[in-house]
Amino acid sequence: QLHVVESGGDLAQPGGSLRLSCAASGF
């Protein structure tokens, strides 16, 4: 089974930065 799971979403201010992660398994 292939799974992808996102994380890292948050509240950010305009001009700010965020990094989202996508953990993949089952390849």
PDB file of all heavy atoms in Angstrom:
ATOM      1  N   GLN A   1       0.831  -1.184   0.000  1.00  0.00           N
ATOM      2  CA  GLN A   1       0.000   0.000   0.000  1.00  0.00           C
ATOM      3  C   GLN A   1       0.879   1.253   0.000  1.00  0.00           C
ATOM      4  O   GLN A   1       1.775   1.369   0.829  1.00  0.00           O
ATOM      5  CB  GLN A   1      -0.918   0.026   1.216  1.00  0.00           C
ATOM      6  CG  GLN A   1      -2.016  -1.011   1.191  1.00  0.00           C
ATOM      7  CD  GLN A   1      -3.089  -0.653   0.192  1.00  0.00           C
ATOM      8  OE1 GLN A   1      -3.554   0.480   0.149  1.00  0.00           O
ATOM      9  NE2 GLN A   1      -3.461  -1.633  -0.633  1.00  0.00           N
ATOM     10  N   LEU A   2       0.608   2.131  -0.924  1.00  0.00           N
ATOM     11  CA  LEU A   2       1.310   3.396  -0.992  1.00  0.00           C
ATOM     12  C   LEU A   2       0.537   4.430  -0.179  1.00  0.00           C
ATOM     13  O   LEU A   2      -0.682   4.572  -0.346  1.00  0.00           O
ATOM     14  CB  LEU A   2       1.473   3.856  -2.434  1.00  0.00           C
ATOM     15  CG  LEU A   2       2.434   5.026  -2.694  1.00  0.00           C
ATOM     16  CD1 LEU A   2       2.988   4.945  -4.100  1.00  0.00           C
ATOM     17  CD2 LEU A   2       1.744   6.367  -2.485  1.00  0.00           C
ATOM     18  N   HIS A   3       1.243   5.127   0.678  1.00  0.00           N
ATOM     19  CA  HIS A   3       0.621   6.161   1.495  1.00  0.00           C
ATOM     20  C   HIS A   3       1.438   7.437   1.430  1.00  0.00           C
ATOM     21  O   HIS A   3       2.668   7.396   1.377  1.00  0.00           O
ATOM     22  CB  HIS A   3       0.503   5.721   2.953  1.00  0.00           C
ATOM     23  CG  HIS A   3      -0.495   4.648   3.181  1.00  0.00           C
ATOM     24  ND1 HIS A   3      -0.164   3.307   3.132  1.00  0.00           N
ATOM     25  CD2 HIS A   3      -1.822   4.695   3.465  1.00  0.00           C
ATOM     26  CE1 HIS A   3      -1.238   2.579   3.373  1.00  0.00           C
ATOM     27  NE2 HIS A   3      -2.254   3.402   3.582  1.00  0.00           N
ATOM     28  N   VAL A   4       0.761   8.560   1.429  1.00  0.00           N
ATOM     29  CA  VAL A   4       1.391   9.855   1.555  1.00  0.00           C
ATOM     30  C   VAL A   4       0.675  10.607   2.664  1.00  0.00           C
ATOM     31  O   VAL A   4      -0.551  10.604   2.742  1.00  0.00           O
ATOM     32  CB  VAL A   4       1.365  10.672   0.243  1.00  0.00           C
ATOM     33  CG1 VAL A   4       2.315  10.071  -0.777  1.00  0.00           C
ATOM     34  CG2 VAL A   4      -0.040  10.744  -0.338  1.00  0.00           C
ATOM     35  N   VAL A   5       1.449  11.239   3.524  1.00  0.00           N
ATOM     36  CA  VAL A   5       0.903  11.941   4.673  1.00  0.00           C
ATOM     37  C   VAL A   5       1.518  13.325   4.740  1.00  0.00           C
ATOM     38  O   VAL A   5       2.742  13.459   4.855  1.00  0.00           O
ATOM     39  CB  VAL A   5       1.167  11.177   5.982  1.00  0.00           C
ATOM     40  CG1 VAL A   5       0.586  11.942   7.166  1.00  0.00           C
ATOM     41  CG2 VAL A   5       0.572   9.780   5.913  1.00  0.00           C
ATOM     42  N   GLU A   6       0.672  14.349   4.704  1.00  0.00           N
ATOM     43  CA  GLU A   6       1.148  15.724   4.770  1.00  0.00           C
ATOM     44  C   GLU A   6       1.199  16.210   6.210  1.00  0.00           C
ATOM     45  O   GLU A   6       0.430  15.770   7.063  1.00  0.00           O
ATOM     46  CB  GLU A   6       0.240  16.672   3.972  1.00  0.00           C
ATOM     47  CG  GLU A   6      -0.080  16.226   2.567  1.00  0.00           C
ATOM     48  CD  GLU A   6      -1.406  15.505   2.478  1.00  0.00           C
ATOM     49  OE1 GLU A   6      -1.814  14.869   3.478  1.00  0.00           O
ATOM     50  OE2 GLU A   6      -2.047  15.565   1.412  1.00  0.00           O
ATOM     51  N   SER A   7       2.084  17.141   6.442  1.00  0.00           N
ATOM     52  CA  SER A   7       2.158  17.810   7.732  1.00  0.00           C
ATOM     53  C   SER A   7       2.831  19.162   7.541  1.00  0.00           C
ATOM     54  O   SER A   7       3.418  19.433   6.502  1.00  0.00           O
ATOM     55  CB  SER A   7       2.921  16.966   8.757  1.00  0.00           C
ATOM     56  OG  SER A   7       4.267  16.768   8.361  1.00  0.00           O
ATOM     57  N   GLY A   8       2.745  19.993   8.551  1.00  0.00           N
ATOM     58  CA  GLY A   8       3.433  21.269   8.530  1.00  0.00           C
ATOM     59  C   GLY A   8       2.540  22.474   8.325  1.00  0.00           C
ATOM     60  O   GLY A   8       3.009  23.612   8.408  1.00  0.00           O
ATOM     61  N   GLY A   9       1.262  22.258   8.039  1.00  0.00           N
ATOM     62  CA  GLY A   9       0.364  23.381   7.873  1.00  0.00           C
ATOM     63  C   GLY A   9       0.203  24.142   9.175  1.00  0.00           C
ATOM     64  O   GLY A   9       0.196  23.553  10.258  1.00  0.00           O
ATOM     65  N   ASP A  10       0.056  25.452   9.056  1.00  0.00           N
ATOM     66  CA  ASP A  10       0.004  26.283  10.246  1.00  0.00           C
ATOM     67  C   ASP A  10      -0.532  27.656   9.868  1.00  0.00           C
ATOM     68  O   ASP A  10      -0.839  27.924   8.705  1.00  0.00           O
ATOM     69  CB  ASP A  10       1.403  26.403  10.862  1.00  0.00           C
ATOM     70  CG  ASP A  10       1.371  26.686  12.350  1.00  0.00           C
ATOM     71  OD1 ASP A  10       0.313  27.076  12.881  1.00  0.00           O
ATOM     72  OD2 ASP A  10       2.427  26.514  12.999  1.00  0.00           O
ATOM     73  N   LEU A  11      -0.643  28.492  10.871  1.00  0.00           N
ATOM     74  CA  LEU A  11      -0.972  29.894  10.663  1.00  0.00           C
ATOM     75  C   LEU A  11       0.314  30.664  10.436  1.00  0.00           C
ATOM     76  O   LEU A  11       1.263  30.536  11.214  1.00  0.00           O
ATOM     77  CB  LEU A  11      -1.727  30.449  11.866  1.00  0.00           C
ATOM     78  CG  LEU A  11      -2.019  31.945  11.873  1.00  0.00           C
ATOM     79  CD1 LEU A  11      -2.975  32.307  10.747  1.00  0.00           C
ATOM     80  CD2 LEU A  11      -2.592  32.369  13.213  1.00  0.00           C
ATOM     81  N   ALA A  12       0.367  31.439   9.366  1.00  0.00           N
ATOM     82  CA  ALA A  12       1.534  32.244   9.054  1.00  0.00           C
ATOM     83  C   ALA A  12       1.108  33.661   8.719  1.00  0.00           C
ATOM     84  O   ALA A  12      -0.017  33.903   8.281  1.00  0.00           O
ATOM     85  CB  ALA A  12       2.318  31.643   7.888  1.00  0.00           C
ATOM     86  N   GLN A  13       2.003  34.590   8.936  1.00  0.00           N
ATOM     87  CA  GLN A  13       1.760  35.978   8.585  1.00  0.00           C
ATOM     88  C   GLN A  13       2.116  36.241   7.130  1.00  0.00           C
ATOM     89  O   GLN A  13       2.967  35.551   6.562  1.00  0.00           O
ATOM     90  CB  GLN A  13       2.576  36.901   9.490  1.00  0.00           C
ATOM     91  CG  GLN A  13       2.190  36.839  10.953  1.00  0.00           C
ATOM     92  CD  GLN A  13       2.984  37.807  11.799  1.00  0.00           C
ATOM     93  OE1 GLN A  13       3.995  38.346  11.356  1.00  0.00           O
ATOM     94  NE2 GLN A  13       2.536  38.029  13.018  1.00  0.00           N
ATOM     95  N   PRO A  14       1.472  37.210   6.504  1.00  0.00           N
ATOM     96  CA  PRO A  14       1.881  37.586   5.147  1.00  0.00           C
ATOM     97  C   PRO A  14       3.368  37.898   5.111  1.00  0.00           C
ATOM     98  O   PRO A  14       3.893  38.594   5.976  1.00  0.00           O
ATOM     99  CB  PRO A  14       1.031  38.820   4.853  1.00  0.00           C
ATOM    100  CG  PRO A  14      -0.190  38.631   5.694  1.00  0.00           C
ATOM    101  CD  PRO A  14       0.311  37.989   6.968  1.00  0.00           C
ATOM    102  N   GLY A  15       4.039  37.375   4.093  1.00  0.00           N
ATOM    103  CA  GLY A  15       5.473  37.530   3.980  1.00  0.00           C
ATOM    104  C   GLY A  15       6.272  36.472   4.706  1.00  0.00           C
ATOM    105  O   GLY A  15       7.499  36.407   4.544  1.00  0.00           O
ATOM    106  N   GLY A  16       5.602  35.653   5.484  1.00  0.00           N
ATOM    107  CA  GLY A  16       6.270  34.606   6.230  1.00  0.00           C
ATOM    108  C   GLY A  16       6.508  33.361   5.411  1.00  0.00           C
ATOM    109  O   GLY A  16       6.254  33.316   4.203  1.00  0.00           O
ATOM    110  N   SER A  17       6.983  32.326   6.093  1.00  0.00           N
ATOM    111  CA  SER A  17       7.339  31.075   5.424  1.00  0.00           C
ATOM    112  C   SER A  17       6.809  29.877   6.186  1.00  0.00           C
ATOM    113  O   SER A  17       6.652  29.915   7.410  1.00  0.00           O
ATOM    114  CB  SER A  17       8.862  30.947   5.298  1.00  0.00           C
ATOM    115  OG  SER A  17       9.417  31.976   4.509  1.00  0.00           O
ATOM    116  N   LEU A  18       6.537  28.828   5.456  1.00  0.00           N
ATOM    117  CA  LEU A  18       6.184  27.533   6.009  1.00  0.00           C
ATOM    118  C   LEU A  18       6.809  26.452   5.143  1.00  0.00           C
ATOM    119  O   LEU A  18       7.023  26.658   3.946  1.00  0.00           O
ATOM    120  CB  LEU A  18       4.670  27.316   6.051  1.00  0.00           C
ATOM    121  CG  LEU A  18       3.854  28.060   7.100  1.00  0.00           C
ATOM    122  CD1 LEU A  18       2.366  27.812   6.847  1.00  0.00           C
ATOM    123  CD2 LEU A  18       4.232  27.615   8.499  1.00  0.00           C
ATOM    124  N   ARG A  19       7.088  25.312   5.743  1.00  0.00           N
ATOM    125  CA  ARG A  19       7.538  24.153   4.986  1.00  0.00           C
ATOM    126  C   ARG A  19       6.606  22.988   5.254  1.00  0.00           C
ATOM    127  O   ARG A  19       6.468  22.538   6.399  1.00  0.00           O
ATOM    128  CB  ARG A  19       8.974  23.760   5.339  1.00  0.00           C
ATOM    129  CG  ARG A  19       9.535  22.674   4.408  1.00  0.00           C
ATOM    130  CD  ARG A  19      10.964  22.295   4.736  1.00  0.00           C
ATOM    131  NE  ARG A  19      11.051  21.481   5.936  1.00  0.00           N
ATOM    132  CZ  ARG A  19      12.144  20.818   6.312  1.00  0.00           C
ATOM    133  NH1 ARG A  19      13.249  20.900   5.568  1.00  0.00           N
ATOM    134  NH2 ARG A  19      12.134  20.116   7.424  1.00  0.00           N
ATOM    135  N   LEU A  20       5.977  22.507   4.201  1.00  0.00           N
ATOM    136  CA  LEU A  20       5.119  21.349   4.290  1.00  0.00           C
ATOM    137  C   LEU A  20       5.913  20.092   3.980  1.00  0.00           C
ATOM    138  O   LEU A  20       6.801  20.102   3.127  1.00  0.00           O
ATOM    139  CB  LEU A  20       3.941  21.461   3.322  1.00  0.00           C
ATOM    140  CG  LEU A  20       3.069  22.716   3.430  1.00  0.00           C
ATOM    141  CD1 LEU A  20       1.895  22.618   2.461  1.00  0.00           C
ATOM    142  CD2 LEU A  20       2.581  22.922   4.856  1.00  0.00           C
ATOM    143  N   SER A  21       5.579  19.020   4.670  1.00  0.00           N
ATOM    144  CA  SER A  21       6.233  17.745   4.457  1.00  0.00           C
ATOM    145  C   SER A  21       5.236  16.725   3.927  1.00  0.00           C
ATOM    146  O   SER A  21       4.064  16.735   4.300  1.00  0.00           O
ATOM    147  CB  SER A  21       6.840  17.220   5.761  1.00  0.00           C
ATOM    148  OG  SER A  21       7.831  18.095   6.252  1.00  0.00           O
ATOM    149  N   CYS A  22       5.720  15.859   3.071  1.00  0.00           N
ATOM    150  CA  CYS A  22       4.927  14.763   2.537  1.00  0.00           C
ATOM    151  C   CYS A  22       5.734  13.493   2.728  1.00  0.00           C
ATOM    152  O   CYS A  22       6.689  13.247   1.987  1.00  0.00           O
ATOM    153  CB  CYS A  22       4.597  15.005   1.065  1.00  0.00           C
ATOM    154  SG  CYS A  22       3.761  13.623   0.249  1.00  0.00           S
ATOM    155  N   ALA A  23       5.361  12.716   3.716  1.00  0.00           N
ATOM    156  CA  ALA A  23       6.039  11.458   3.987  1.00  0.00           C
ATOM    157  C   ALA A  23       5.412  10.362   3.139  1.00  0.00           C
ATOM    158  O   ALA A  23       4.211  10.113   3.232  1.00  0.00           O
ATOM    159  CB  ALA A  23       5.955  11.114   5.466  1.00  0.00           C
ATOM    160  N   ALA A  24       6.226   9.725   2.327  1.00  0.00           N
ATOM    161  CA  ALA A  24       5.744   8.703   1.409  1.00  0.00           C
ATOM    162  C   ALA A  24       6.245   7.328   1.816  1.00  0.00           C
ATOM    163  O   ALA A  24       7.394   7.171   2.231  1.00  0.00           O
ATOM    164  CB  ALA A  24       6.184   9.010  -0.024  1.00  0.00           C
ATOM    165  N   SER A  25       5.390   6.352   1.688  1.00  0.00           N
ATOM    166  CA  SER A  25       5.758   4.973   1.984  1.00  0.00           C
ATOM    167  C   SER A  25       5.059   4.047   1.005  1.00  0.00           C
ATOM    168  O   SER A  25       4.051   4.409   0.395  1.00  0.00           O
ATOM    169  CB  SER A  25       5.389   4.599   3.423  1.00  0.00           C
ATOM    170  OG  SER A  25       3.987   4.694   3.622  1.00  0.00           O
ATOM    171  N   GLY A  26       5.597   2.852   0.862  1.00  0.00           N
ATOM    172  CA  GLY A  26       4.987   1.864   0.002  1.00  0.00           C
ATOM    173  C   GLY A  26       5.434   1.906  -1.447  1.00  0.00           C
ATOM    174  O   GLY A  26       4.837   1.234  -2.285  1.00  0.00           O
ATOM    175  N   PHE A  27       6.469   2.689  -1.755  1.00  0.00           N
ATOM    176  CA  PHE A  27       6.991   2.724  -3.114  1.00  0.00           C
ATOM    177  C   PHE A  27       7.833   1.481  -3.363  1.00  0.00           C
ATOM    178  O   PHE A  27       8.856   1.277  -2.711  1.00  0.00           O
ATOM    179  CB  PHE A  27       7.841   3.967  -3.346  1.00  0.00           C
ATOM    180  CG  PHE A  27       7.061   5.236  -3.407  1.00  0.00           C
ATOM    181  CD1 PHE A  27       6.831   5.988  -2.266  1.00  0.00           C
ATOM    182  CD2 PHE A  27       6.562   5.695  -4.617  1.00  0.00           C
ATOM    183  CE1 PHE A  27       6.109   7.165  -2.319  1.00  0.00           C
ATOM    184  CE2 PHE A  27       5.841   6.874  -4.679  1.00  0.00           C
ATOM    185  CZ  PHE A  27       5.614   7.610  -3.530  1.00  0.00           C
TER     186      PHE A  27
END
